[in-house]
C-alpha atoms as a PDB file:
ATOM      1  CA  MET A   1      -9.525  27.871   9.214  1.00  0.00           C
ATOM      2  CA  MET A   2     -12.007  27.456   6.392  1.00  0.00           C
ATOM      3  CA  ILE A   3     -11.627  29.033   2.961  1.00  0.00           C
ATOM      4  CA  HIS A   4     -14.469  28.930   0.425  1.00  0.00           C
ATOM      5  CA  ARG A   5     -12.869  30.227  -2.765  1.00  0.00           C
ATOM      6  CA  LEU A   6     -11.482  28.788  -5.918  1.00  0.00           C
ATOM      7  CA  ILE A   7      -7.750  28.673  -5.219  1.00  0.00           C
ATOM      8  CA  PRO A   8      -4.946  26.519  -6.531  1.00  0.00           C
ATOM      9  CA  LEU A   9      -4.065  23.590  -4.266  1.00  0.00           C
ATOM     10  CA  ALA A  10      -0.416  24.583  -3.940  1.00  0.00           C
ATOM     11  CA  LEU A  11      -1.455  28.053  -2.731  1.00  0.00           C
ATOM     12  CA  ALA A  12      -4.055  26.579  -0.405  1.00  0.00           C
ATOM     13  CA  ALA A  13      -1.501  24.250   1.154  1.00  0.00           C
ATOM     14  CA  ALA A  14       0.966  27.138   1.557  1.00  0.00           C
ATOM     15  CA  LEU A  15      -1.720  29.249   3.224  1.00  0.00           C
ATOM     16  CA  ILE A  16      -2.347  26.697   5.939  1.00  0.00           C
ATOM     17  CA  ALA A  17       1.013  24.948   6.150  1.00  0.00           C
ATOM     18  CA  LEU A  18       2.294  24.269   9.608  1.00  0.00           C
ATOM     19  CA  PRO A  19       5.868  24.680  10.823  1.00  0.00           C
ATOM     20  CA  THR A  20       6.186  20.906  10.912  1.00  0.00           C
ATOM     21  CA  GLN A  21       5.209  18.870   7.881  1.00  0.00           C
ATOM     22  CA  ALA A  22       1.599  17.766   7.875  1.00  0.00           C
ATOM     23  CA  GLN A  23      -0.336  15.260   5.821  1.00  0.00           C
ATOM     24  CA  THR A  24      -2.636  16.628   3.133  1.00  0.00           C
ATOM     25  CA  VAL A  25      -5.786  14.727   2.133  1.00  0.00           C
ATOM     26  CA  VAL A  26      -7.744  15.788  -0.948  1.00  0.00           C
ATOM     27  CA  ILE A  27     -11.300  14.455  -1.332  1.00  0.00           C
ATOM     28  CA  VAL A  28     -13.386  14.714  -4.510  1.00  0.00           C
ATOM     29  CA  ARG A  29     -16.402  13.069  -6.037  1.00  0.00           C
ATOM     30  CA  HIS A  30     -15.902  11.163  -9.301  1.00  0.00           C
ATOM     31  CA  GLY A  31     -16.256  13.059 -12.557  1.00  0.00           C
ATOM     32  CA  GLU A  32     -19.349  13.252 -14.729  1.00  0.00           C
ATOM     33  CA  LYS A  33     -20.575   9.811 -15.754  1.00  0.00           C
ATOM     34  CA  ALA A  34     -21.711   8.563 -19.147  1.00  0.00           C
ATOM     35  CA  GLY A  35     -24.965   7.007 -17.930  1.00  0.00           C
ATOM     36  CA  PRO A  36     -27.490   7.459 -15.136  1.00  0.00           C
ATOM     37  CA  SER A  37     -26.875   4.241 -13.200  1.00  0.00           C
ATOM     38  CA  GLY A  38     -24.725   1.171 -12.802  1.00  0.00           C
ATOM     39  CA  ASP A  39     -20.955   0.857 -13.069  1.00  0.00           C
ATOM     40  CA  VAL A  40     -20.637   3.304 -15.967  1.00  0.00           C
ATOM     41  CA  ASP A  41     -17.616   4.947 -17.504  1.00  0.00           C
ATOM     42  CA  LEU A  42     -16.930   8.669 -17.337  1.00  0.00           C
ATOM     43  CA  SER A  43     -18.389  10.924 -20.015  1.00  0.00           C
ATOM     44  CA  ALA A  44     -16.070  13.166 -22.027  1.00  0.00           C
ATOM     45  CA  ALA A  45     -16.685  15.896 -19.399  1.00  0.00           C
ATOM     46  CA  GLY A  46     -15.794  13.420 -16.652  1.00  0.00           C
ATOM     47  CA  GLN A  47     -12.586  12.443 -18.432  1.00  0.00           C
ATOM     48  CA  ALA A  48     -11.677  16.142 -18.731  1.00  0.00           C
ATOM     49  CA  ARG A  49     -12.399  16.538 -15.014  1.00  0.00           C
ATOM     50  CA  GLY A  50     -10.010  13.691 -14.211  1.00  0.00           C
ATOM     51  CA  GLU A  51      -7.287  15.456 -16.211  1.00  0.00           C
ATOM     52  CA  ALA A  52      -8.137  18.759 -14.463  1.00  0.00           C
ATOM     53  CA  LEU A  53      -7.767  17.002 -11.125  1.00  0.00           C
ATOM     54  CA  ALA A  54      -4.319  15.702 -12.119  1.00  0.00           C
ATOM     55  CA  GLN A  55      -3.355  19.226 -13.166  1.00  0.00           C
ATOM     56  CA  ALA A  56      -4.671  20.740  -9.929  1.00  0.00           C
ATOM     57  CA  LEU A  57      -2.621  18.258  -7.914  1.00  0.00           C
ATOM     58  CA  GLY A  58       0.457  18.471 -10.149  1.00  0.00           C
ATOM     59  CA  GLY A  59       2.767  19.961  -7.516  1.00  0.00           C
ATOM     60  CA  ALA A  60       1.268  18.187  -4.564  1.00  0.00           C
ATOM     61  CA  LYS A  61       3.461  15.050  -4.675  1.00  0.00           C
ATOM     62  CA  VAL A  62       0.567  12.644  -4.353  1.00  0.00           C
ATOM     63  CA  SER A  63       1.797   9.397  -2.746  1.00  0.00           C
ATOM     64  CA  LEU A  64      -1.477   7.488  -2.328  1.00  0.00           C
ATOM     65  CA  VAL A  65      -4.659   7.437  -4.403  1.00  0.00           C
ATOM     66  CA  LEU A  66      -7.764   5.766  -2.938  1.00  0.00           C
ATOM     67  CA  ALA A  67     -11.015   5.170  -4.830  1.00  0.00           C
ATOM     68  CA  THR A  68     -13.928   2.761  -4.861  1.00  0.00           C
ATOM     69  CA  PRO A  69     -13.796  -0.226  -7.244  1.00  0.00           C
ATOM     70  CA  LEU A  70     -16.318   1.401  -9.622  1.00  0.00           C
ATOM     71  CA  LYS A  71     -15.143   2.572 -13.042  1.00  0.00           C
ATOM     72  CA  ARG A  72     -16.061   6.246 -12.571  1.00  0.00           C
ATOM     73  CA  THR A  73     -13.914   6.690  -9.450  1.00  0.00           C
ATOM     74  CA  GLN A  74     -11.041   4.646 -10.861  1.00  0.00           C
ATOM     75  CA  GLN A  75     -11.121   6.707 -14.080  1.00  0.00           C
ATOM     76  CA  THR A  76     -11.338  10.027 -12.241  1.00  0.00           C
ATOM     77  CA  ALA A  77      -8.337   9.068 -10.117  1.00  0.00           C
ATOM     78  CA  GLY A  78      -6.404   7.555 -12.992  1.00  0.00           C
ATOM     79  CA  ALA A  79      -4.700  10.645 -14.409  1.00  0.00           C
ATOM     80  CA  THR A  80      -3.441  11.727 -11.000  1.00  0.00           C
ATOM     81  CA  ALA A  81      -2.132   8.233 -10.249  1.00  0.00           C
ATOM     82  CA  ARG A  82      -0.529   8.053 -13.701  1.00  0.00           C
ATOM     83  CA  ASP A  83       1.229  11.379 -13.228  1.00  0.00           C
ATOM     84  CA  ALA A  84       2.413  10.325  -9.741  1.00  0.00           C
ATOM     85  CA  GLY A  85       3.647   6.969 -11.027  1.00  0.00           C
ATOM     86  CA  ILE A  86       1.463   4.989  -8.624  1.00  0.00           C
ATOM     87  CA  ALA A  87      -1.569   2.707  -8.804  1.00  0.00           C
ATOM     88  CA  VAL A  88      -5.071   3.546  -7.654  1.00  0.00           C
ATOM     89  CA  VAL A  89      -5.941   1.534  -4.517  1.00  0.00           C
ATOM     90  CA  ALA A  90      -9.519   0.286  -4.455  1.00  0.00           C
ATOM     91  CA  VAL A  91     -11.461   0.322  -1.195  1.00  0.00           C
ATOM     92  CA  GLY A  92     -14.707  -1.633  -1.333  1.00  0.00           C
ATOM     93  CA  PHE A  93     -18.118  -0.965   0.161  1.00  0.00           C
ATOM     94  CA  ASP A  94     -18.203  -4.027   2.438  1.00  0.00           C
ATOM     95  CA  GLY A  95     -20.286  -3.247   5.514  1.00  0.00           C
ATOM     96  CA  GLY A  96     -21.969  -0.192   3.993  1.00  0.00           C
ATOM     97  CA  ASP A  97     -21.125   3.467   3.596  1.00  0.00           C
ATOM     98  CA  ALA A  98     -20.088   4.118   7.212  1.00  0.00           C
ATOM     99  CA  ALA A  99     -17.695   1.164   7.257  1.00  0.00           C
ATOM    100  CA  HIS A 100     -16.345   2.266   3.865  1.00  0.00           C
ATOM    101  CA  ALA A 101     -15.676   5.784   5.174  1.00  0.00           C
ATOM    102  CA  GLN A 102     -13.836   4.361   8.170  1.00  0.00           C
ATOM    103  CA  ARG A 103     -11.643   2.107   6.016  1.00  0.00           C
ATOM    104  CA  VAL A 104     -10.806   4.930   3.605  1.00  0.00           C
ATOM    105  CA  ALA A 105      -9.926   7.295   6.447  1.00  0.00           C
ATOM    106  CA  GLN A 106      -7.799   4.604   8.100  1.00  0.00           C
ATOM    107  CA  ALA A 107      -5.925   3.939   4.867  1.00  0.00           C
ATOM    108  CA  ALA A 108      -5.373   7.684   4.327  1.00  0.00           C
ATOM    109  CA  ARG A 109      -4.033   8.150   7.849  1.00  0.00           C
ATOM    110  CA  LYS A 110      -1.424   5.429   7.251  1.00  0.00           C
ATOM    111  CA  ALA A 111       0.307   7.670   4.735  1.00  0.00           C
ATOM    112  CA  GLY A 112       3.256   9.512   6.221  1.00  0.00           C
ATOM    113  CA  ARG A 113       3.567  13.099   7.298  1.00  0.00           C
ATOM    114  CA  ALA A 114       4.309  15.516   4.462  1.00  0.00           C
ATOM    115  CA  GLU A 115       2.509  13.186   2.051  1.00  0.00           C
ATOM    116  CA  THR A 116      -0.543  13.955  -0.062  1.00  0.00           C
ATOM    117  CA  VAL A 117      -3.406  11.489  -0.379  1.00  0.00           C
ATOM    118  CA  LEU A 118      -6.151  11.732  -3.025  1.00  0.00           C
ATOM    119  CA  ILE A 119      -9.512  10.142  -2.254  1.00  0.00           C
ATOM    120  CA  VAL A 120     -12.143   9.819  -5.015  1.00  0.00           C
ATOM    121  CA  GLY A 121     -15.607   8.819  -3.842  1.00  0.00           C
ATOM    122  CA  HIS A 122     -19.277   9.314  -4.561  1.00  0.00           C
ATOM    123  CA  SER A 123     -21.918  11.888  -3.647  1.00  0.00           C
ATOM    124  CA  ASN A 124     -23.065   9.614  -0.800  1.00  0.00           C
ATOM    125  CA  THR A 125     -19.571   8.916   0.588  1.00  0.00           C
ATOM    126  CA  VAL A 126     -17.277  11.948   0.285  1.00  0.00           C
ATOM    127  CA  ALA A 127     -18.872  13.945   3.145  1.00  0.00           C
ATOM    128  CA  ASP A 128     -18.735  10.925   5.486  1.00  0.00           C
ATOM    129  CA  ILE A 129     -15.075  10.389   4.659  1.00  0.00           C
ATOM    130  CA  ALA A 130     -14.306  14.077   5.225  1.00  0.00           C
ATOM    131  CA  ARG A 131     -16.144  14.038   8.562  1.00  0.00           C
ATOM    132  CA  THR A 132     -14.246  10.919   9.611  1.00  0.00           C
ATOM    133  CA  LEU A 133     -10.997  12.768   8.917  1.00  0.00           C
ATOM    134  CA  GLY A 134     -12.049  15.819  10.938  1.00  0.00           C
ATOM    135  CA  ASP A 135     -14.073  18.106   8.651  1.00  0.00           C
ATOM    136  CA  THR A 136     -16.883  19.241  10.946  1.00  0.00           C
ATOM    137  CA  ARG A 137     -18.594  21.193   8.134  1.00  0.00           C
ATOM    138  CA  ALA A 138     -18.576  18.564   5.398  1.00  0.00           C
ATOM    139  CA  VAL A 139     -21.575  18.705   3.095  1.00  0.00           C
ATOM    140  CA  ALA A 140     -22.523  16.061   0.546  1.00  0.00           C
ATOM    141  CA  PRO A 141     -22.447  17.334  -3.036  1.00  0.00           C
ATOM    142  CA  ARG A 142     -25.706  17.691  -4.900  1.00  0.00           C
ATOM    143  CA  ASP A 143     -26.290  15.162  -7.689  1.00  0.00           C
ATOM    144  CA  CYS A 144     -25.279  17.808 -10.244  1.00  0.00           C
ATOM    145  CA  GLU A 145     -22.002  18.799  -8.486  1.00  0.00           C
ATOM    146  CA  TYR A 146     -18.754  17.323  -9.656  1.00  0.00           C
ATOM    147  CA  ASP A 147     -16.354  20.226  -9.079  1.00  0.00           C
ATOM    148  CA  ARG A 148     -16.122  20.290  -5.272  1.00  0.00           C
ATOM    149  CA  MET A 149     -12.776  19.625  -3.628  1.00  0.00           C
ATOM    150  CA  THR A 150     -12.099  19.298   0.096  1.00  0.00           C
ATOM    151  CA  VAL A 151      -8.522  19.696   1.263  1.00  0.00           C
ATOM    152  CA  LEU A 152      -7.682  18.598   4.802  1.00  0.00           C
ATOM    153  CA  VAL A 153      -4.332  19.257   6.409  1.00  0.00           C
ATOM    154  CA  LEU A 154      -3.811  16.799   9.259  1.00  0.00           C
ATOM    155  CA  ASP A 155      -1.059  17.649  11.717  1.00  0.00           C
ATOM    156  CA  GLY A 156      -2.111  15.427  14.637  1.00  0.00           C
ATOM    157  CA  ALA A 157      -3.264  18.285  16.848  1.00  0.00           C
ATOM    158  CA  ALA A 158      -5.692  19.985  14.486  1.00  0.00           C
ATOM    159  CA  THR A 159      -7.368  19.552  11.141  1.00  0.00           C
ATOM    160  CA  ARG A 160      -7.403  22.504   8.810  1.00  0.00           C
ATOM    161  CA  VAL A 161      -9.983  22.450   6.035  1.00  0.00           C
ATOM    162  CA  ILE A 162     -10.372  24.183   2.707  1.00  0.00           C
ATOM    163  CA  HIS A 163     -13.491  23.781   0.606  1.00  0.00           C
ATOM    164  CA  THR A 164     -12.782  24.800  -2.975  1.00  0.00           C
ATOM    165  CA  ARG A 165     -13.586  23.797  -6.542  1.00  0.00           C
ATOM    166  CA  TYR A 166     -11.531  22.574  -9.471  1.00  0.00           C
ATOM    167  CA  GLY A 167     -11.914  22.034 -13.178  1.00  0.00           C
ATOM    168  CA  ALA A 168     -14.896  23.246 -15.154  1.00  0.00           C
ATOM    169  CA  GLN A 169     -17.937  24.489 -13.233  1.00  0.00           C
ATOM    170  CA  SER A 170     -20.568  21.778 -12.875  1.00  0.00           C
ATOM    171  CA  GLU A 171     -23.149  22.427 -15.563  1.00  0.00           C
ATOM    172  CA  GLY A 172     -26.771  23.038 -14.651  1.00  0.00           C
ATOM    173  CA  CYS A 173     -25.961  23.212 -10.975  1.00  0.00           C
ATOM    174  CA  GLY A 174     -25.712  26.932 -10.259  1.00  0.00           C
ATOM    175  CA  THR A 175     -22.370  26.567  -8.439  1.00  0.00           C
END
């Protein structure tokens, strides 16, 4: 099942919920950054996106938040982790993007059934992570896209996927 509309996460989860409890994994790219390169902080728009992410996941009972060690992913994930009362877990890039995607997916899968995991990555990692978790139609976001959200419901037998958006529409991107 694939849904391509802007829908609240709680409704999306209800639409595809299985009779038995399943794990939900939410994957997003970091928010808008303050500078073009390096380990930069989020801009004001990126900070607002982090808060919008926390609001979108408010009823999801997030139990694990994974992000890269870079400031922009840590800051994007920060509000959700704060609201859930947990710390952001950093997963490094050792071994390159493919190895990173494998480690992130492995860490996500360790969360229990009926738990929600948030993963915050980069434009060059989020699609690989989603594919590793079973999203056969994952597409990397364009450089201008910060509002994409992929929700995967993992029940062991099947992976159900929702591609949606959250927060403010990415500016200058035509999304």
